[in-house]
Amino acid sequence: LAGGPTRVLSLVAFDAVSTGIQIHMTEPGAGGPEALR
């Protein structure tokens, strides 16, 4: 749908990193509020 893996961001599909998508990981309180903004 996005036209390629570099245009996909996942907040939860950590097992899909091999596809080339972007994974957003954060520790509780570490950048989460800024990411949501």
Full PDB file with SEQRES, HELIX, SHEET, SSBOND, CRYST1, ORIGX, SCALE, CONECT and MASTER records, all heavy atoms in Angstrom:
SEQRES   1 A   37  LEU ALA GLY GLY PRO THR ARG VAL LEU SER LEU VAL ALA          
SEQRES   2 A   37  PHE ASP ALA VAL SER THR GLY ILE GLN ILE HIS MET THR          
SEQRES   3 A   37  GLU PRO GLY ALA GLY GLY PRO GLU ALA LEU ARG                  
HELIX    1 AA1 PRO A    5  ARG A    7  5                                   3    
HELIX    2 AA2 PHE A   14  THR A   19  5                                   6    
HELIX    3 AA3 GLY A   32  LEU A   36  1                                   5    
SHEET    1 AA1 2 LEU A   9  SER A  10  0                                        
SHEET    2 AA1 2 GLN A  22  ILE A  23  1                                        
CRYST1    1.000    1.000    1.000  90.00  90.00  90.00 P 1           1          
ORIGX1      1.000000  0.000000  0.000000        0.00000                         
ORIGX2      0.000000  1.000000  0.000000        0.00000                         
ORIGX3      0.000000  0.000000  1.000000        0.00000                         
SCALE1      1.000000  0.000000  0.000000        0.00000                         
SCALE2      0.000000  1.000000  0.000000        0.00000                         
SCALE3      0.000000  0.000000  1.000000        0.00000                         
ATOM      1  N   LEU A   1       0.821  -1.208   0.000  1.00  0.00           N  
ATOM      2  CA  LEU A   1       0.000   0.000   0.000  1.00  0.00           C  
ATOM      3  C   LEU A   1       0.860   1.264   0.000  1.00  0.00           C  
ATOM      4  O   LEU A   1       0.562   2.224  -0.708  1.00  0.00           O  
ATOM      5  CB  LEU A   1      -0.914   0.000   1.225  1.00  0.00           C  
ATOM      6  CG  LEU A   1      -1.812   1.216   1.416  1.00  0.00           C  
ATOM      7  CD1 LEU A   1      -2.845   1.291   0.297  1.00  0.00           C  
ATOM      8  CD2 LEU A   1      -2.515   1.140   2.766  1.00  0.00           C  
ATOM      9  N   ALA A   2       1.943   1.244   0.776  1.00  0.00           N  
ATOM     10  CA  ALA A   2       2.794   2.428   0.913  1.00  0.00           C  
ATOM     11  C   ALA A   2       3.771   2.600  -0.242  1.00  0.00           C  
ATOM     12  O   ALA A   2       4.375   3.655  -0.386  1.00  0.00           O  
ATOM     13  CB  ALA A   2       3.556   2.363   2.229  1.00  0.00           C  
ATOM     14  N   GLY A   3       3.961   1.558  -1.035  1.00  0.00           N  
ATOM     15  CA  GLY A   3       4.900   1.660  -2.143  1.00  0.00           C  
ATOM     16  C   GLY A   3       6.324   1.308  -1.767  1.00  0.00           C  
ATOM     17  O   GLY A   3       7.259   1.660  -2.476  1.00  0.00           O  
ATOM     18  N   GLY A   4       6.514   0.628  -0.662  1.00  0.00           N  
ATOM     19  CA  GLY A   4       7.847   0.188  -0.260  1.00  0.00           C  
ATOM     20  C   GLY A   4       8.005   0.188   1.240  1.00  0.00           C  
ATOM     21  O   GLY A   4       7.263   0.873   1.958  1.00  0.00           O  
ATOM     22  N   PRO A   5       8.966  -0.574   1.744  1.00  0.00           N  
ATOM     23  CA  PRO A   5       9.135  -0.720   3.189  1.00  0.00           C  
ATOM     24  C   PRO A   5       9.601   0.538   3.905  1.00  0.00           C  
ATOM     25  O   PRO A   5       9.323   0.715   5.084  1.00  0.00           O  
ATOM     26  CB  PRO A   5      10.154  -1.843   3.321  1.00  0.00           C  
ATOM     27  CG  PRO A   5      10.907  -1.835   2.040  1.00  0.00           C  
ATOM     28  CD  PRO A   5       9.925  -1.392   1.000  1.00  0.00           C  
ATOM     29  N   THR A   6      10.287   1.434   3.203  1.00  0.00           N  
ATOM     30  CA  THR A   6      10.793   2.633   3.878  1.00  0.00           C  
ATOM     31  C   THR A   6       9.682   3.618   4.213  1.00  0.00           C  
ATOM     32  O   THR A   6       9.902   4.579   4.940  1.00  0.00           O  
ATOM     33  CB  THR A   6      11.858   3.349   3.023  1.00  0.00           C  
ATOM     34  OG1 THR A   6      11.273   3.731   1.780  1.00  0.00           O  
ATOM     35  CG2 THR A   6      13.058   2.436   2.793  1.00  0.00           C  
ATOM     36  N   ARG A   7       8.470   3.359   3.703  1.00  0.00           N  
ATOM     37  CA  ARG A   7       7.330   4.239   3.974  1.00  0.00           C  
ATOM     38  C   ARG A   7       6.373   3.622   4.982  1.00  0.00           C  
ATOM     39  O   ARG A   7       5.235   4.039   5.098  1.00  0.00           O  
ATOM     40  CB  ARG A   7       6.617   4.578   2.674  1.00  0.00           C  
ATOM     41  CG  ARG A   7       7.541   5.368   1.718  1.00  0.00           C  
ATOM     42  CD  ARG A   7       6.845   5.771   0.446  1.00  0.00           C  
ATOM     43  NE  ARG A   7       5.569   6.428   0.630  1.00  0.00           N  
ATOM     44  CZ  ARG A   7       5.368   7.713   0.900  1.00  0.00           C  
ATOM     45  NH1 ARG A   7       6.400   8.515   1.028  1.00  0.00           N  
ATOM     46  NH2 ARG A   7       4.152   8.208   1.024  1.00  0.00           N  
ATOM     47  N   VAL A   8       6.855   2.588   5.714  1.00  0.00           N  
ATOM     48  CA  VAL A   8       6.043   1.920   6.730  1.00  0.00           C  
ATOM     49  C   VAL A   8       6.731   2.069   8.078  1.00  0.00           C  
ATOM     50  O   VAL A   8       7.925   1.795   8.216  1.00  0.00           O  
ATOM     51  CB  VAL A   8       5.849   0.422   6.405  1.00  0.00           C  
ATOM     52  CG1 VAL A   8       5.070  -0.277   7.508  1.00  0.00           C  
ATOM     53  CG2 VAL A   8       5.164   0.250   5.056  1.00  0.00           C  
ATOM     54  N   LEU A   9       5.974   2.502   9.066  1.00  0.00           N  
ATOM     55  CA  LEU A   9       6.465   2.633  10.437  1.00  0.00           C  
ATOM     56  C   LEU A   9       5.583   1.776  11.327  1.00  0.00           C  
ATOM     57  O   LEU A   9       4.362   1.865  11.277  1.00  0.00           O  
ATOM     58  CB  LEU A   9       6.396   4.088  10.908  1.00  0.00           C  
ATOM     59  CG  LEU A   9       6.674   4.346  12.392  1.00  0.00           C  
ATOM     60  CD1 LEU A   9       8.117   4.001  12.742  1.00  0.00           C  
ATOM     61  CD2 LEU A   9       6.362   5.774  12.751  1.00  0.00           C  
ATOM     62  N   SER A  10       6.205   0.893  12.115  1.00  0.00           N  
ATOM     63  CA  SER A  10       5.435   0.063  13.034  1.00  0.00           C  
ATOM     64  C   SER A  10       5.813   0.393  14.466  1.00  0.00           C  
ATOM     65  O   SER A  10       6.980   0.590  14.788  1.00  0.00           O  
ATOM     66  CB  SER A  10       5.684  -1.423  12.780  1.00  0.00           C  
ATOM     67  OG  SER A  10       4.921  -2.187  13.691  1.00  0.00           O  
ATOM     68  N   LEU A  11       4.805   0.423  15.305  1.00  0.00           N  
ATOM     69  CA  LEU A  11       5.014   0.628  16.731  1.00  0.00           C  
ATOM     70  C   LEU A  11       5.071  -0.696  17.471  1.00  0.00           C  
ATOM     71  O   LEU A  11       5.456  -0.730  18.637  1.00  0.00           O  
ATOM     72  CB  LEU A  11       3.876   1.485  17.310  1.00  0.00           C  
ATOM     73  CG  LEU A  11       3.626   2.834  16.655  1.00  0.00           C  
ATOM     74  CD1 LEU A  11       2.429   3.514  17.287  1.00  0.00           C  
ATOM     75  CD2 LEU A  11       4.862   3.711  16.733  1.00  0.00           C  
ATOM     76  N   VAL A  12       4.701  -1.792  16.794  1.00  0.00           N  
ATOM     77  CA  VAL A  12       4.538  -3.060  17.501  1.00  0.00           C  
ATOM     78  C   VAL A  12       5.074  -4.291  16.787  1.00  0.00           C  
ATOM     79  O   VAL A  12       5.250  -5.332  17.418  1.00  0.00           O  
ATOM     80  CB  VAL A  12       3.046  -3.301  17.839  1.00  0.00           C  
ATOM     81  CG1 VAL A  12       2.566  -2.320  18.879  1.00  0.00           C  
ATOM     82  CG2 VAL A  12       2.188  -3.228  16.593  1.00  0.00           C  
ATOM     83  N   ALA A  13       5.331  -4.248  15.492  1.00  0.00           N  
ATOM     84  CA  ALA A  13       5.743  -5.438  14.738  1.00  0.00           C  
ATOM     85  C   ALA A  13       7.260  -5.601  14.770  1.00  0.00           C  
ATOM     86  O   ALA A  13       7.932  -5.558  13.753  1.00  0.00           O  
ATOM     87  CB  ALA A  13       5.229  -5.365  13.304  1.00  0.00           C  
ATOM     88  N   PHE A  14       7.789  -5.831  15.958  1.00  0.00           N  
ATOM     89  CA  PHE A  14       9.231  -5.911  16.133  1.00  0.00           C  
ATOM     90  C   PHE A  14       9.843  -7.078  15.355  1.00  0.00           C  
ATOM     91  O   PHE A  14      11.002  -7.039  14.973  1.00  0.00           O  
ATOM     92  CB  PHE A  14       9.585  -6.033  17.613  1.00  0.00           C  
ATOM     93  CG  PHE A  14       8.993  -4.927  18.445  1.00  0.00           C  
ATOM     94  CD1 PHE A  14       8.061  -5.202  19.422  1.00  0.00           C  
ATOM     95  CD2 PHE A  14       9.343  -3.612  18.222  1.00  0.00           C  
ATOM     96  CE1 PHE A  14       7.495  -4.188  20.179  1.00  0.00           C  
ATOM     97  CE2 PHE A  14       8.792  -2.583  18.966  1.00  0.00           C  
ATOM     98  CZ  PHE A  14       7.864  -2.875  19.946  1.00  0.00           C  
ATOM     99  N   ASP A  15       9.069  -8.119  15.097  1.00  0.00           N  
ATOM    100  CA  ASP A  15       9.570  -9.278  14.364  1.00  0.00           C  
ATOM    101  C   ASP A  15       9.655  -9.033  12.855  1.00  0.00           C  
ATOM    102  O   ASP A  15      10.138  -9.877  12.116  1.00  0.00           O  
ATOM    103  CB  ASP A  15       8.701 -10.500  14.641  1.00  0.00           C  
ATOM    104  CG  ASP A  15       7.249 -10.302  14.240  1.00  0.00           C  
ATOM    105  OD1 ASP A  15       6.805  -9.135  14.132  1.00  0.00           O  
ATOM    106  OD2 ASP A  15       6.560 -11.310  14.051  1.00  0.00           O  
ATOM    107  N   ALA A  16       9.213  -7.882  12.380  1.00  0.00           N  
ATOM    108  CA  ALA A  16       9.203  -7.585  10.951  1.00  0.00           C  
ATOM    109  C   ALA A  16      10.363  -6.699  10.520  1.00  0.00           C  
ATOM    110  O   ALA A  16      10.374  -6.206   9.404  1.00  0.00           O  
ATOM    111  CB  ALA A  16       7.874  -6.934  10.570  1.00  0.00           C  
ATOM    112  N   VAL A  17      11.345  -6.529  11.374  1.00  0.00           N  
ATOM    113  CA  VAL A  17      12.468  -5.647  11.044  1.00  0.00           C  
ATOM    114  C   VAL A  17      13.203  -6.118   9.792  1.00  0.00           C  
ATOM    115  O   VAL A  17      13.728  -5.316   9.034  1.00  0.00           O  
ATOM    116  CB  VAL A  17      13.420  -5.499  12.257  1.00  0.00           C  
ATOM    117  CG1 VAL A  17      14.185  -6.771  12.521  1.00  0.00           C  
ATOM    118  CG2 VAL A  17      14.364  -4.327  12.056  1.00  0.00           C  
ATOM    119  N   SER A  18      13.209  -7.404   9.516  1.00  0.00           N  
ATOM    120  CA  SER A  18      13.904  -7.928   8.343  1.00  0.00           C  
ATOM    121  C   SER A  18      13.258  -7.493   7.032  1.00  0.00           C  
ATOM    122  O   SER A  18      13.862  -7.614   5.970  1.00  0.00           O  
ATOM    123  CB  SER A  18      13.970  -9.456   8.409  1.00  0.00           C  
ATOM    124  OG  SER A  18      12.664  -9.998   8.345  1.00  0.00           O  
ATOM    125  N   THR A  19      12.040  -6.974   7.068  1.00  0.00           N  
ATOM    126  CA  THR A  19      11.359  -6.526   5.856  1.00  0.00           C  
ATOM    127  C   THR A  19      11.858  -5.164   5.382  1.00  0.00           C  
ATOM    128  O   THR A  19      11.552  -4.747   4.279  1.00  0.00           O  
ATOM    129  CB  THR A  19       9.834  -6.432   6.074  1.00  0.00           C  
ATOM    130  OG1 THR A  19       9.575  -5.416   7.052  1.00  0.00           O  
ATOM    131  CG2 THR A  19       9.243  -7.762   6.506  1.00  0.00           C  
ATOM    132  N   GLY A  20      12.586  -4.474   6.243  1.00  0.00           N  
ATOM    133  CA  GLY A  20      13.077  -3.150   5.890  1.00  0.00           C  
ATOM    134  C   GLY A  20      12.198  -2.017   6.366  1.00  0.00           C  
ATOM    135  O   GLY A  20      12.484  -0.855   6.099  1.00  0.00           O  
ATOM    136  N   ILE A  21      11.109  -2.340   7.069  1.00  0.00           N  
ATOM    137  CA  ILE A  21      10.255  -1.285   7.590  1.00  0.00           C  
ATOM    138  C   ILE A  21      10.949  -0.591   8.752  1.00  0.00           C  
ATOM    139  O   ILE A  21      11.914  -1.105   9.309  1.00  0.00           O  
ATOM    140  CB  ILE A  21       8.876  -1.819   8.042  1.00  0.00           C  
ATOM    141  CG1 ILE A  21       9.018  -2.739   9.262  1.00  0.00           C  
ATOM    142  CG2 ILE A  21       8.148  -2.497   6.899  1.00  0.00           C  
ATOM    143  CD1 ILE A  21       7.712  -3.077   9.937  1.00  0.00           C  
ATOM    144  N   GLN A  22      10.431   0.567   9.100  1.00  0.00           N  
ATOM    145  CA  GLN A  22      10.944   1.297  10.253  1.00  0.00           C  
ATOM    146  C   GLN A  22      10.205   0.821  11.502  1.00  0.00           C  
ATOM    147  O   GLN A  22       8.991   0.662  11.489  1.00  0.00           O  
ATOM    148  CB  GLN A  22      10.717   2.794  10.072  1.00  0.00           C  
ATOM    149  CG  GLN A  22      11.404   3.368   8.855  1.00  0.00           C  
ATOM    150  CD  GLN A  22      11.038   4.813   8.664  1.00  0.00           C  
ATOM    151  OE1 GLN A  22      11.260   5.643   9.535  1.00  0.00           O  
ATOM    152  NE2 GLN A  22      10.463   5.127   7.520  1.00  0.00           N  
ATOM    153  N   ILE A  23      10.947   0.577  12.541  1.00  0.00           N  
ATOM    154  CA  ILE A  23      10.369   0.154  13.812  1.00  0.00           C  
ATOM    155  C   ILE A  23      10.626   1.255  14.819  1.00  0.00           C  
ATOM    156  O   ILE A  23      11.747   1.726  14.965  1.00  0.00           O  
ATOM    157  CB  ILE A  23      11.019  -1.155  14.332  1.00  0.00           C  
ATOM    158  CG1 ILE A  23      10.961  -2.256  13.278  1.00  0.00           C  
ATOM    159  CG2 ILE A  23      10.392  -1.586  15.642  1.00  0.00           C  
ATOM    160  CD1 ILE A  23       9.604  -2.835  13.040  1.00  0.00           C  
ATOM    161  N   HIS A  24       9.583   1.666  15.513  1.00  0.00           N  
ATOM    162  CA  HIS A  24       9.740   2.667  16.568  1.00  0.00           C  
ATOM    163  C   HIS A  24       9.682   1.959  17.909  1.00  0.00           C  
ATOM    164  O   HIS A  24       8.671   1.352  18.244  1.00  0.00           O  
ATOM    165  CB  HIS A  24       8.657   3.737  16.496  1.00  0.00           C  
ATOM    166  CG  HIS A  24       8.754   4.749  17.590  1.00  0.00           C  
ATOM    167  ND1 HIS A  24       9.717   5.724  17.584  1.00  0.00           N  
ATOM    168  CD2 HIS A  24       8.072   4.892  18.734  1.00  0.00           C  
ATOM    169  CE1 HIS A  24       9.596   6.451  18.683  1.00  0.00           C  
ATOM    170  NE2 HIS A  24       8.604   5.962  19.397  1.00  0.00           N  
ATOM    171  N   MET A  25      10.787   1.984  18.621  1.00  0.00           N  
ATOM    172  CA  MET A  25      10.837   1.372  19.945  1.00  0.00           C  
ATOM    173  C   MET A  25      11.235   2.440  20.951  1.00  0.00           C  
ATOM    174  O   MET A  25      12.066   3.295  20.660  1.00  0.00           O  
ATOM    175  CB  MET A  25      11.869   0.238  19.990  1.00  0.00           C  
ATOM    176  CG  MET A  25      11.486  -0.952  19.151  1.00  0.00           C  
ATOM    177  SD  MET A  25      12.606  -2.336  19.350  1.00  0.00           S  
ATOM    178  CE  MET A  25      13.991  -1.821  18.352  1.00  0.00           C  
ATOM    179  N   THR A  26      10.663   2.365  22.107  1.00  0.00           N  
ATOM    180  CA  THR A  26      11.002   3.310  23.154  1.00  0.00           C  
ATOM    181  C   THR A  26      10.798   2.659  24.505  1.00  0.00           C  
ATOM    182  O   THR A  26       9.975   1.771  24.656  1.00  0.00           O  
ATOM    183  CB  THR A  26      10.158   4.593  23.053  1.00  0.00           C  
ATOM    184  OG1 THR A  26      10.577   5.510  24.052  1.00  0.00           O  
ATOM    185  CG2 THR A  26       8.687   4.325  23.219  1.00  0.00           C  
ATOM    186  N   GLU A  27      11.567   3.084  25.456  1.00  0.00           N  
ATOM    187  CA  GLU A  27      11.360   2.641  26.828  1.00  0.00           C  
ATOM    188  C   GLU A  27      10.273   3.525  27.425  1.00  0.00           C  
ATOM    189  O   GLU A  27      10.083   4.660  26.984  1.00  0.00           O  
ATOM    190  CB  GLU A  27      12.660   2.790  27.624  1.00  0.00           C  
ATOM    191  CG  GLU A  27      13.762   1.867  27.139  1.00  0.00           C  
ATOM    192  CD  GLU A  27      15.047   2.063  27.932  1.00  0.00           C  
ATOM    193  OE1 GLU A  27      14.990   2.553  29.067  1.00  0.00           O  
ATOM    194  OE2 GLU A  27      16.103   1.727  27.392  1.00  0.00           O  
ATOM    195  N   PRO A  28       9.554   3.020  28.404  1.00  0.00           N  
ATOM    196  CA  PRO A  28       8.506   3.842  29.010  1.00  0.00           C  
ATOM    197  C   PRO A  28       9.044   5.220  29.416  1.00  0.00           C  
ATOM    198  O   PRO A  28      10.059   5.323  30.095  1.00  0.00           O  
ATOM    199  CB  PRO A  28       8.069   3.033  30.230  1.00  0.00           C  
ATOM    200  CG  PRO A  28       8.414   1.619  29.872  1.00  0.00           C  
ATOM    201  CD  PRO A  28       9.672   1.718  29.028  1.00  0.00           C  
ATOM    202  N   GLY A  29       8.395   6.252  28.938  1.00  0.00           N  
ATOM    203  CA  GLY A  29       8.776   7.613  29.285  1.00  0.00           C  
ATOM    204  C   GLY A  29       9.945   8.164  28.490  1.00  0.00           C  
ATOM    205  O   GLY A  29      10.276   9.333  28.612  1.00  0.00           O  
ATOM    206  N   ALA A  30      10.571   7.354  27.623  1.00  0.00           N  
ATOM    207  CA  ALA A  30      11.755   7.798  26.882  1.00  0.00           C  
ATOM    208  C   ALA A  30      11.377   8.204  25.465  1.00  0.00           C  
ATOM    209  O   ALA A  30      11.523   7.446  24.530  1.00  0.00           O  
ATOM    210  CB  ALA A  30      12.808   6.699  26.858  1.00  0.00           C  
ATOM    211  N   GLY A  31      10.878   9.392  25.299  1.00  0.00           N  
ATOM    212  CA  GLY A  31      10.567   9.895  23.968  1.00  0.00           C  
ATOM    213  C   GLY A  31       9.162   9.584  23.495  1.00  0.00           C  
ATOM    214  O   GLY A  31       8.757  10.070  22.448  1.00  0.00           O  
ATOM    215  N   GLY A  32       8.422   8.770  24.212  1.00  0.00           N  
ATOM    216  CA  GLY A  32       7.064   8.422  23.812  1.00  0.00           C  
ATOM    217  C   GLY A  32       6.166   9.621  23.651  1.00  0.00           C  
ATOM    218  O   GLY A  32       5.499   9.775  22.616  1.00  0.00           O  
ATOM    219  N   PRO A  33       6.114  10.522  24.640  1.00  0.00           N  
ATOM    220  CA  PRO A  33       5.259  11.701  24.493  1.00  0.00           C  
ATOM    221  C   PRO A  33       5.644  12.564  23.289  1.00  0.00           C  
ATOM    222  O   PRO A  33       4.775  13.053  22.577  1.00  0.00           O  
ATOM    223  CB  PRO A  33       5.466  12.454  25.808  1.00  0.00           C  
ATOM    224  CG  PRO A  33       5.809  11.373  26.789  1.00  0.00           C  
ATOM    225  CD  PRO A  33       6.653  10.400  25.994  1.00  0.00           C  
ATOM    226  N   GLU A  34       6.933  12.724  23.038  1.00  0.00           N  
ATOM    227  CA  GLU A  34       7.361  13.516  21.887  1.00  0.00           C  
ATOM    228  C   GLU A  34       6.952  12.836  20.583  1.00  0.00           C  
ATOM    229  O   GLU A  34       6.489  13.494  19.643  1.00  0.00           O  
ATOM    230  CB  GLU A  34       8.871  13.736  21.903  1.00  0.00           C  
ATOM    231  CG  GLU A  34       9.358  14.560  20.730  1.00  0.00           C  
ATOM    232  CD  GLU A  34      10.866  14.754  20.714  1.00  0.00           C  
ATOM    233  OE1 GLU A  34      11.545  14.382  21.675  1.00  0.00           O  
ATOM    234  OE2 GLU A  34      11.344  15.272  19.700  1.00  0.00           O  
ATOM    235  N   ALA A  35       7.111  11.516  20.522  1.00  0.00           N  
ATOM    236  CA  ALA A  35       6.712  10.782  19.319  1.00  0.00           C  
ATOM    237  C   ALA A  35       5.221  10.942  19.068  1.00  0.00           C  
ATOM    238  O   ALA A  35       4.796  11.147  17.923  1.00  0.00           O  
ATOM    239  CB  ALA A  35       7.081   9.306  19.456  1.00  0.00           C  
ATOM    240  N   LEU A  36       4.418  10.861  20.116  1.00  0.00           N  
ATOM    241  CA  LEU A  36       2.974  11.037  19.952  1.00  0.00           C  
ATOM    242  C   LEU A  36       2.635  12.449  19.486  1.00  0.00           C  
ATOM    243  O   LEU A  36       1.742  12.636  18.656  1.00  0.00           O  
ATOM    244  CB  LEU A  36       2.246  10.704  21.250  1.00  0.00           C  
ATOM    245  CG  LEU A  36       2.249   9.221  21.622  1.00  0.00           C  
ATOM    246  CD1 LEU A  36       1.606   9.027  22.989  1.00  0.00           C  
ATOM    247  CD2 LEU A  36       1.543   8.388  20.573  1.00  0.00           C  
ATOM    248  N   ARG A  37       3.356  13.452  19.990  1.00  0.00           N  
ATOM    249  CA  ARG A  37       3.124  14.832  19.527  1.00  0.00           C  
ATOM    250  C   ARG A  37       3.461  14.950  18.038  1.00  0.00           C  
ATOM    251  O   ARG A  37       2.760  15.622  17.276  1.00  0.00           O  
ATOM    252  CB  ARG A  37       3.945  15.823  20.347  1.00  0.00           C  
ATOM    253  CG  ARG A  37       3.336  16.148  21.707  1.00  0.00           C  
ATOM    254  CD  ARG A  37       4.024  17.319  22.376  1.00  0.00           C  
ATOM    255  NE  ARG A  37       5.411  17.047  22.721  1.00  0.00           N  
ATOM    256  CZ  ARG A  37       5.807  16.431  23.840  1.00  0.00           C  
ATOM    257  NH1 ARG A  37       4.908  16.037  24.719  1.00  0.00           N  
ATOM    258  NH2 ARG A  37       7.082  16.221  24.074  1.00  0.00           N  
TER     259      ARG A  37                                                      
MASTER        0    0    0    3    2    0    0    6  258    1    0    3          
END                                                                             
